[in-house]
């Protein structure tokens, strides 16, 4: 635990690879990729649970800036940093790469970032942020809810340890570890984020990701990759394909 974040890390050297999960998930979604990093990543890697998720503490309020500040504390003094972030995690990678955080972010790979939002979608997430925590009488019911909220249904078995990391027990009942307030971050200002960074940026998606289209990404950046046959959680579906993003698009690799 570092600064109230549950963090897993290994190895030494540079650059530091920061793996940032998406809304509702935990750092455990990167386990398949972590197994590949042992022999193929030259420096250190760090995998946090974001504030208000998994084993990390909640924040008084949530914004892209407050979440990025927590990540900045985690990698302060780490030297060059490469961020591979999924969905919300990709937005936080771009936020962290803004000059005001004092972190040397050399590259950001944003995977599956939702870049187009309707008014109805924003109203829905605002309503979710305002809801109280839901409690369940059984782990099975809580696990089912977790898998749906995190978009991981069908990718993990309910009994998997990666699901357990997203649950908590309170007085004999079960709840999602996620603080509902995280939904309140809203929609990112992608043009401003891209304009405000000097880092190398690659926007990626699974070919069948329903959250974002290739055309939407290409309106923002010329550096777009679609991973064949994969969906929104491409890093869980095919970790080797996502590792290829690091190898193919980072300077000096």
C-alpha atoms as a PDB file:
ATOM      1  CA  UNK A   1       0.000   0.000   0.000  1.00  0.00           C
ATOM      2  CA  UNK A   2       1.474   3.352  -1.086  1.00  0.00           C
ATOM      3  CA  UNK A   3      -0.311   6.600  -0.202  1.00  0.00           C
ATOM      4  CA  UNK A   4      -3.554   4.692   0.411  1.00  0.00           C
ATOM      5  CA  UNK A   5      -3.316   2.871  -2.929  1.00  0.00           C
ATOM      6  CA  UNK A   6      -3.060  -0.873  -3.303  1.00  0.00           C
ATOM      7  CA  UNK A   7      -0.083  -1.256  -5.636  1.00  0.00           C
ATOM      8  CA  UNK A   8       1.788  -4.189  -7.069  1.00  0.00           C
ATOM      9  CA  UNK A   9       5.230  -3.616  -8.517  1.00  0.00           C
ATOM     10  CA  UNK A  10       8.273  -5.536  -9.640  1.00  0.00           C
ATOM     11  CA  UNK A  11      11.778  -5.133 -11.042  1.00  0.00           C
ATOM     12  CA  UNK A  12      13.894  -2.015 -11.256  1.00  0.00           C
ATOM     13  CA  UNK A  13      15.294   0.285 -13.883  1.00  0.00           C
ATOM     14  CA  UNK A  14      13.773   2.482 -16.537  1.00  0.00           C
ATOM     15  CA  UNK A  15      11.343   3.203 -17.975  1.00  0.00           C
ATOM     16  CA  UNK A  16       8.576   2.610 -15.445  1.00  0.00           C
ATOM     17  CA  UNK A  17       5.463   1.085 -16.970  1.00  0.00           C
ATOM     18  CA  UNK A  18       2.296   2.224 -15.202  1.00  0.00           C
ATOM     19  CA  UNK A  19      -0.717   0.007 -15.908  1.00  0.00           C
ATOM     20  CA  UNK A  20      -3.996   1.776 -15.109  1.00  0.00           C
ATOM     21  CA  UNK A  21      -7.305  -0.074 -15.120  1.00  0.00           C
ATOM     22  CA  UNK A  22     -10.700   1.238 -16.183  1.00  0.00           C
ATOM     23  CA  UNK A  23     -13.847   2.302 -14.348  1.00  0.00           C
ATOM     24  CA  UNK A  24     -15.109  -0.262 -11.869  1.00  0.00           C
ATOM     25  CA  UNK A  25     -12.247  -2.731 -12.284  1.00  0.00           C
ATOM     26  CA  UNK A  26      -9.026  -3.296 -10.301  1.00  0.00           C
ATOM     27  CA  UNK A  27      -5.380  -3.763 -11.156  1.00  0.00           C
ATOM     28  CA  UNK A  28      -5.981  -7.524 -11.309  1.00  0.00           C
ATOM     29  CA  UNK A  29      -7.247  -7.144 -14.887  1.00  0.00           C
ATOM     30  CA  UNK A  30      -3.598  -6.759 -15.924  1.00  0.00           C
ATOM     31  CA  UNK A  31      -2.501 -10.134 -14.500  1.00  0.00           C
ATOM     32  CA  UNK A  32      -2.258 -11.777 -17.914  1.00  0.00           C
ATOM     33  CA  UNK A  33      -0.069  -8.962 -19.196  1.00  0.00           C
ATOM     34  CA  UNK A  34       2.082  -8.915 -16.060  1.00  0.00           C
ATOM     35  CA  UNK A  35       3.085 -12.507 -16.721  1.00  0.00           C
ATOM     36  CA  UNK A  36       4.457 -11.426 -20.110  1.00  0.00           C
ATOM     37  CA  UNK A  37       6.301  -8.414 -18.701  1.00  0.00           C
ATOM     38  CA  UNK A  38       8.666 -10.554 -16.623  1.00  0.00           C
ATOM     39  CA  UNK A  39      10.887 -11.337 -19.592  1.00  0.00           C
ATOM     40  CA  UNK A  40       9.961  -8.587 -22.015  1.00  0.00           C
ATOM     41  CA  UNK A  41       9.780  -5.234 -20.213  1.00  0.00           C
ATOM     42  CA  UNK A  42      13.202  -3.648 -19.603  1.00  0.00           C
ATOM     43  CA  UNK A  43      12.344  -1.597 -16.521  1.00  0.00           C
ATOM     44  CA  UNK A  44       9.979  -1.467 -13.597  1.00  0.00           C
ATOM     45  CA  UNK A  45       6.215  -1.897 -13.743  1.00  0.00           C
ATOM     46  CA  UNK A  46       3.557  -0.663 -11.325  1.00  0.00           C
ATOM     47  CA  UNK A  47      -0.086  -1.748 -11.136  1.00  0.00           C
ATOM     48  CA  UNK A  48      -2.313   0.286  -8.773  1.00  0.00           C
ATOM     49  CA  UNK A  49      -5.948   0.027  -7.857  1.00  0.00           C
ATOM     50  CA  UNK A  50      -7.297   3.501  -8.530  1.00  0.00           C
ATOM     51  CA  UNK A  51      -8.714   5.466  -5.589  1.00  0.00           C
ATOM     52  CA  UNK A  52     -12.208   4.254  -4.797  1.00  0.00           C
ATOM     53  CA  UNK A  53     -11.529   0.861  -6.377  1.00  0.00           C
ATOM     54  CA  UNK A  54     -10.367  -2.523  -5.102  1.00  0.00           C
ATOM     55  CA  UNK A  55      -8.044  -2.235  -2.126  1.00  0.00           C
ATOM     56  CA  UNK A  56      -7.422   1.504  -2.459  1.00  0.00           C
ATOM     57  CA  UNK A  57      -8.977   4.174  -0.273  1.00  0.00           C
ATOM     58  CA  UNK A  58     -11.747   6.473  -1.477  1.00  0.00           C
ATOM     59  CA  UNK A  59     -11.301  10.182  -2.228  1.00  0.00           C
ATOM     60  CA  UNK A  60     -13.509  12.988  -0.911  1.00  0.00           C
ATOM     61  CA  UNK A  61     -14.428  13.769  -4.528  1.00  0.00           C
ATOM     62  CA  UNK A  62     -13.467  12.435  -7.914  1.00  0.00           C
ATOM     63  CA  UNK A  63     -12.233  14.145 -11.035  1.00  0.00           C
ATOM     64  CA  UNK A  64      -9.681  13.227 -13.661  1.00  0.00           C
ATOM     65  CA  UNK A  65      -7.345  15.652 -11.910  1.00  0.00           C
ATOM     66  CA  UNK A  66      -7.754  14.191  -8.414  1.00  0.00           C
ATOM     67  CA  UNK A  67      -7.231  10.654  -9.701  1.00  0.00           C
ATOM     68  CA  UNK A  68      -4.180  11.704 -11.719  1.00  0.00           C
ATOM     69  CA  UNK A  69      -2.747  13.426  -8.644  1.00  0.00           C
ATOM     70  CA  UNK A  70      -2.837  10.087  -6.806  1.00  0.00           C
ATOM     71  CA  UNK A  71      -0.975   8.454  -9.685  1.00  0.00           C
ATOM     72  CA  UNK A  72       1.542  11.304  -9.795  1.00  0.00           C
ATOM     73  CA  UNK A  73       2.431  10.683  -6.143  1.00  0.00           C
ATOM     74  CA  UNK A  74       2.918   7.020  -6.947  1.00  0.00           C
ATOM     75  CA  UNK A  75       5.466   7.594  -9.724  1.00  0.00           C
ATOM     76  CA  UNK A  76       7.143  10.721  -8.366  1.00  0.00           C
ATOM     77  CA  UNK A  77      10.884  10.442  -8.914  1.00  0.00           C
ATOM     78  CA  UNK A  78      10.506   7.300 -11.004  1.00  0.00           C
ATOM     79  CA  UNK A  79      12.232   8.748 -14.053  1.00  0.00           C
ATOM     80  CA  UNK A  80      10.647   8.247 -17.479  1.00  0.00           C
ATOM     81  CA  UNK A  81       7.162   6.734 -17.314  1.00  0.00           C
ATOM     82  CA  UNK A  82       5.128   4.915 -19.930  1.00  0.00           C
ATOM     83  CA  UNK A  83       1.401   4.702 -19.193  1.00  0.00           C
ATOM     84  CA  UNK A  84      -0.781   1.953 -20.592  1.00  0.00           C
ATOM     85  CA  UNK A  85      -4.304   2.787 -19.497  1.00  0.00           C
ATOM     86  CA  UNK A  86      -7.642   1.188 -20.263  1.00  0.00           C
ATOM     87  CA  UNK A  87     -10.735   3.357 -20.713  1.00  0.00           C
ATOM     88  CA  UNK A  88     -10.745   5.690 -17.676  1.00  0.00           C
ATOM     89  CA  UNK A  89      -7.122   4.638 -17.140  1.00  0.00           C
ATOM     90  CA  UNK A  90      -6.209   5.921 -20.595  1.00  0.00           C
ATOM     91  CA  UNK A  91      -7.747   9.302 -19.810  1.00  0.00           C
ATOM     92  CA  UNK A  92      -5.754   9.410 -16.588  1.00  0.00           C
ATOM     93  CA  UNK A  93      -2.580   8.611 -18.518  1.00  0.00           C
ATOM     94  CA  UNK A  94      -3.203  11.619 -20.747  1.00  0.00           C
ATOM     95  CA  UNK A  95      -4.043  13.749 -17.709  1.00  0.00           C
ATOM     96  CA  UNK A  96      -0.858  12.687 -15.946  1.00  0.00           C
ATOM     97  CA  UNK A  97       1.113  13.636 -19.065  1.00  0.00           C
ATOM     98  CA  UNK A  98       0.073  17.286 -18.734  1.00  0.00           C
ATOM     99  CA  UNK A  99       3.008  19.407 -17.629  1.00  0.00           C
ATOM    100  CA  UNK A 100       1.534  20.450 -14.262  1.00  0.00           C
ATOM    101  CA  UNK A 101       1.949  17.062 -12.566  1.00  0.00           C
ATOM    102  CA  UNK A 102       5.754  17.061 -12.565  1.00  0.00           C
ATOM    103  CA  UNK A 103       5.998  13.537 -13.988  1.00  0.00           C
ATOM    104  CA  UNK A 104       8.125  12.636 -16.995  1.00  0.00           C
ATOM    105  CA  UNK A 105       5.589  10.765 -19.103  1.00  0.00           C
ATOM    106  CA  UNK A 106       7.298   9.684 -22.303  1.00  0.00           C
ATOM    107  CA  UNK A 107       4.388   7.785 -23.830  1.00  0.00           C
ATOM    108  CA  UNK A 108       0.695   7.107 -23.261  1.00  0.00           C
ATOM    109  CA  UNK A 109      -1.204   4.235 -24.795  1.00  0.00           C
ATOM    110  CA  UNK A 110      -4.910   4.773 -24.283  1.00  0.00           C
ATOM    111  CA  UNK A 111      -6.874   1.575 -24.863  1.00  0.00           C
ATOM    112  CA  UNK A 112     -10.645   1.662 -25.298  1.00  0.00           C
ATOM    113  CA  UNK A 113     -11.193   5.285 -24.259  1.00  0.00           C
ATOM    114  CA  UNK A 114     -14.790   6.402 -24.777  1.00  0.00           C
ATOM    115  CA  UNK A 115     -14.385   9.753 -26.526  1.00  0.00           C
ATOM    116  CA  UNK A 116     -17.966  10.558 -27.608  1.00  0.00           C
ATOM    117  CA  UNK A 117     -20.667  11.104 -24.972  1.00  0.00           C
ATOM    118  CA  UNK A 118     -24.354  11.945 -25.318  1.00  0.00           C
ATOM    119  CA  UNK A 119     -26.307  14.041 -22.845  1.00  0.00           C
ATOM    120  CA  UNK A 120     -28.287  10.941 -21.853  1.00  0.00           C
ATOM    121  CA  UNK A 121     -25.094   8.999 -21.125  1.00  0.00           C
ATOM    122  CA  UNK A 122     -23.736  11.808 -18.978  1.00  0.00           C
ATOM    123  CA  UNK A 123     -27.016  12.038 -17.085  1.00  0.00           C
ATOM    124  CA  UNK A 124     -26.921   8.298 -16.457  1.00  0.00           C
ATOM    125  CA  UNK A 125     -23.423   8.292 -14.963  1.00  0.00           C
ATOM    126  CA  UNK A 126     -24.261  11.349 -12.855  1.00  0.00           C
ATOM    127  CA  UNK A 127     -27.238   9.451 -11.446  1.00  0.00           C
ATOM    128  CA  UNK A 128     -25.042   6.424 -10.719  1.00  0.00           C
ATOM    129  CA  UNK A 129     -22.569   8.650  -8.873  1.00  0.00           C
ATOM    130  CA  UNK A 130     -25.341   9.904  -6.616  1.00  0.00           C
ATOM    131  CA  UNK A 131     -26.623   6.465  -5.628  1.00  0.00           C
ATOM    132  CA  UNK A 132     -25.760   4.967  -2.250  1.00  0.00           C
ATOM    133  CA  UNK A 133     -23.697   1.798  -2.033  1.00  0.00           C
ATOM    134  CA  UNK A 134     -25.727  -1.343  -2.774  1.00  0.00           C
ATOM    135  CA  UNK A 135     -25.326  -4.301  -0.430  1.00  0.00           C
ATOM    136  CA  UNK A 136     -25.912  -7.945  -1.361  1.00  0.00           C
ATOM    137  CA  UNK A 137     -26.723 -10.933   0.823  1.00  0.00           C
ATOM    138  CA  UNK A 138     -24.435 -13.292  -1.129  1.00  0.00           C
ATOM    139  CA  UNK A 139     -21.041 -13.101  -2.763  1.00  0.00           C
ATOM    140  CA  UNK A 140     -22.529 -14.570  -5.939  1.00  0.00           C
ATOM    141  CA  UNK A 141     -24.951 -11.665  -6.315  1.00  0.00           C
ATOM    142  CA  UNK A 142     -22.209  -9.116  -5.652  1.00  0.00           C
ATOM    143  CA  UNK A 143     -19.856 -10.858  -8.081  1.00  0.00           C
ATOM    144  CA  UNK A 144     -22.482 -10.788 -10.809  1.00  0.00           C
ATOM    145  CA  UNK A 145     -22.953  -7.067 -10.285  1.00  0.00           C
ATOM    146  CA  UNK A 146     -19.207  -6.437 -10.261  1.00  0.00           C
ATOM    147  CA  UNK A 147     -18.688  -8.260 -13.549  1.00  0.00           C
ATOM    148  CA  UNK A 148     -21.438  -6.228 -15.200  1.00  0.00           C
ATOM    149  CA  UNK A 149     -20.315  -2.856 -13.820  1.00  0.00           C
ATOM    150  CA  UNK A 150     -16.690  -3.432 -14.810  1.00  0.00           C
ATOM    151  CA  UNK A 151     -17.586  -4.819 -18.245  1.00  0.00           C
ATOM    152  CA  UNK A 152     -15.850  -8.098 -17.447  1.00  0.00           C
ATOM    153  CA  UNK A 153     -18.834 -10.444 -17.692  1.00  0.00           C
ATOM    154  CA  UNK A 154     -17.795 -13.540 -19.618  1.00  0.00           C
ATOM    155  CA  UNK A 155     -14.085 -12.807 -19.179  1.00  0.00           C
ATOM    156  CA  UNK A 156     -13.710 -13.929 -15.551  1.00  0.00           C
ATOM    157  CA  UNK A 157     -15.457 -16.642 -13.606  1.00  0.00           C
ATOM    158  CA  UNK A 158     -17.373 -15.283 -10.589  1.00  0.00           C
ATOM    159  CA  UNK A 159     -15.139 -17.257  -8.209  1.00  0.00           C
ATOM    160  CA  UNK A 160     -11.923 -15.850  -9.708  1.00  0.00           C
ATOM    161  CA  UNK A 161      -9.520 -13.987  -7.407  1.00  0.00           C
ATOM    162  CA  UNK A 162      -9.684 -11.050  -9.830  1.00  0.00           C
ATOM    163  CA  UNK A 163     -13.378 -10.737  -8.979  1.00  0.00           C
ATOM    164  CA  UNK A 164     -12.724 -11.016  -5.255  1.00  0.00           C
ATOM    165  CA  UNK A 165     -10.423  -7.987  -5.472  1.00  0.00           C
ATOM    166  CA  UNK A 166     -13.409  -5.920  -6.580  1.00  0.00           C
ATOM    167  CA  UNK A 167     -15.612  -6.935  -3.626  1.00  0.00           C
ATOM    168  CA  UNK A 168     -15.775  -6.155   0.084  1.00  0.00           C
ATOM    169  CA  UNK A 169     -17.696  -7.568   3.016  1.00  0.00           C
ATOM    170  CA  UNK A 170     -19.360  -5.338   5.613  1.00  0.00           C
ATOM    171  CA  UNK A 171     -21.183  -6.834   8.591  1.00  0.00           C
ATOM    172  CA  UNK A 172     -21.808 -10.086   6.769  1.00  0.00           C
ATOM    173  CA  UNK A 173     -23.023  -8.483   3.561  1.00  0.00           C
ATOM    174  CA  UNK A 174     -21.248  -7.986   0.247  1.00  0.00           C
ATOM    175  CA  UNK A 175     -20.703  -4.830  -1.764  1.00  0.00           C
ATOM    176  CA  UNK A 176     -18.617  -3.674  -4.684  1.00  0.00           C
ATOM    177  CA  UNK A 177     -15.317  -2.170  -3.553  1.00  0.00           C
ATOM    178  CA  UNK A 178     -15.849   0.655  -6.018  1.00  0.00           C
ATOM    179  CA  UNK A 179     -17.066   3.961  -4.591  1.00  0.00           C
ATOM    180  CA  UNK A 180     -20.090   4.951  -6.739  1.00  0.00           C
ATOM    181  CA  UNK A 181     -18.859   8.540  -6.654  1.00  0.00           C
ATOM    182  CA  UNK A 182     -16.207   7.669  -9.239  1.00  0.00           C
ATOM    183  CA  UNK A 183     -18.919   7.717 -11.896  1.00  0.00           C
ATOM    184  CA  UNK A 184     -19.044  11.472 -11.404  1.00  0.00           C
ATOM    185  CA  UNK A 185     -15.835  12.175 -13.333  1.00  0.00           C
ATOM    186  CA  UNK A 186     -17.901  12.780 -16.471  1.00  0.00           C
ATOM    187  CA  UNK A 187     -16.543  13.009 -20.015  1.00  0.00           C
ATOM    188  CA  UNK A 188     -12.920  13.864 -20.810  1.00  0.00           C
ATOM    189  CA  UNK A 189     -11.910  16.852 -22.924  1.00  0.00           C
ATOM    190  CA  UNK A 190      -9.854  14.772 -25.309  1.00  0.00           C
ATOM    191  CA  UNK A 191      -8.746  17.559 -27.697  1.00  0.00           C
ATOM    192  CA  UNK A 192      -7.399  19.582 -24.758  1.00  0.00           C
ATOM    193  CA  UNK A 193      -5.660  16.565 -23.239  1.00  0.00           C
ATOM    194  CA  UNK A 194      -3.989  15.671 -26.514  1.00  0.00           C
ATOM    195  CA  UNK A 195      -2.953  19.264 -27.136  1.00  0.00           C
ATOM    196  CA  UNK A 196      -1.483  19.605 -23.647  1.00  0.00           C
ATOM    197  CA  UNK A 197       0.986  16.735 -23.748  1.00  0.00           C
ATOM    198  CA  UNK A 198       4.395  16.288 -25.311  1.00  0.00           C
ATOM    199  CA  UNK A 199       4.276  12.548 -24.735  1.00  0.00           C
ATOM    200  CA  UNK A 200       3.989  10.114 -27.606  1.00  0.00           C
ATOM    201  CA  UNK A 201       0.341   9.056 -27.726  1.00  0.00           C
ATOM    202  CA  UNK A 202      -1.252   5.989 -29.273  1.00  0.00           C
ATOM    203  CA  UNK A 203      -5.019   5.566 -29.136  1.00  0.00           C
ATOM    204  CA  UNK A 204      -6.025   1.915 -29.429  1.00  0.00           C
ATOM    205  CA  UNK A 205      -9.192  -0.139 -29.349  1.00  0.00           C
ATOM    206  CA  UNK A 206     -10.393  -3.653 -29.902  1.00  0.00           C
ATOM    207  CA  UNK A 207     -11.889  -4.089 -33.356  1.00  0.00           C
ATOM    208  CA  UNK A 208     -15.281  -4.929 -31.838  1.00  0.00           C
ATOM    209  CA  UNK A 209     -15.253  -2.394 -28.993  1.00  0.00           C
ATOM    210  CA  UNK A 210     -18.810  -0.984 -28.734  1.00  0.00           C
ATOM    211  CA  UNK A 211     -17.624   1.966 -26.638  1.00  0.00           C
ATOM    212  CA  UNK A 212     -15.547   3.720 -29.284  1.00  0.00           C
ATOM    213  CA  UNK A 213     -15.127   3.552 -33.047  1.00  0.00           C
ATOM    214  CA  UNK A 214     -11.954   3.851 -35.085  1.00  0.00           C
ATOM    215  CA  UNK A 215     -13.356   6.893 -36.877  1.00  0.00           C
ATOM    216  CA  UNK A 216     -13.949   8.663 -33.560  1.00  0.00           C
ATOM    217  CA  UNK A 217     -10.323   8.088 -32.573  1.00  0.00           C
ATOM    218  CA  UNK A 218      -8.940   9.141 -35.952  1.00  0.00           C
ATOM    219  CA  UNK A 219     -10.706  12.475 -35.635  1.00  0.00           C
ATOM    220  CA  UNK A 220      -8.494  13.058 -32.609  1.00  0.00           C
ATOM    221  CA  UNK A 221      -5.159  11.495 -33.541  1.00  0.00           C
ATOM    222  CA  UNK A 222      -3.329   9.972 -36.516  1.00  0.00           C
ATOM    223  CA  UNK A 223      -1.808   7.317 -34.229  1.00  0.00           C
ATOM    224  CA  UNK A 224      -4.680   4.844 -33.947  1.00  0.00           C
ATOM    225  CA  UNK A 225      -4.552   1.069 -33.706  1.00  0.00           C
ATOM    226  CA  UNK A 226      -7.456  -1.386 -33.892  1.00  0.00           C
ATOM    227  CA  UNK A 227      -6.680  -4.835 -32.508  1.00  0.00           C
ATOM    228  CA  UNK A 228      -8.319  -7.490 -34.693  1.00  0.00           C
ATOM    229  CA  UNK A 229     -11.011  -9.663 -33.169  1.00  0.00           C
ATOM    230  CA  UNK A 230     -10.989  -8.041 -29.732  1.00  0.00           C
ATOM    231  CA  UNK A 231     -13.531  -6.048 -27.729  1.00  0.00           C
ATOM    232  CA  UNK A 232     -13.506  -3.368 -25.062  1.00  0.00           C
ATOM    233  CA  UNK A 233     -11.325  -5.320 -22.608  1.00  0.00           C
ATOM    234  CA  UNK A 234      -8.665  -6.283 -25.120  1.00  0.00           C
ATOM    235  CA  UNK A 235      -6.000  -6.436 -22.392  1.00  0.00           C
ATOM    236  CA  UNK A 236      -7.923  -9.254 -20.702  1.00  0.00           C
ATOM    237  CA  UNK A 237      -8.949 -11.028 -23.901  1.00  0.00           C
ATOM    238  CA  UNK A 238      -5.476 -11.111 -25.476  1.00  0.00           C
ATOM    239  CA  UNK A 239      -2.640  -9.745 -23.306  1.00  0.00           C
ATOM    240  CA  UNK A 240      -0.028 -10.597 -25.953  1.00  0.00           C
ATOM    241  CA  UNK A 241      -1.759  -8.395 -28.520  1.00  0.00           C
ATOM    242  CA  UNK A 242      -1.768  -5.480 -26.079  1.00  0.00           C
ATOM    243  CA  UNK A 243       1.890  -6.075 -25.210  1.00  0.00           C
ATOM    244  CA  UNK A 244       2.504  -5.675 -28.920  1.00  0.00           C
ATOM    245  CA  UNK A 245       1.303  -2.082 -28.655  1.00  0.00           C
ATOM    246  CA  UNK A 246       4.210  -1.373 -26.347  1.00  0.00           C
ATOM    247  CA  UNK A 247       6.742  -3.091 -28.583  1.00  0.00           C
ATOM    248  CA  UNK A 248       5.549  -1.618 -31.850  1.00  0.00           C
ATOM    249  CA  UNK A 249       4.904   1.978 -30.907  1.00  0.00           C
ATOM    250  CA  UNK A 250       7.326   3.103 -28.215  1.00  0.00           C
ATOM    251  CA  UNK A 251      10.614   4.826 -29.108  1.00  0.00           C
ATOM    252  CA  UNK A 252      13.656   2.636 -28.733  1.00  0.00           C
ATOM    253  CA  UNK A 253      11.734  -0.655 -28.606  1.00  0.00           C
END
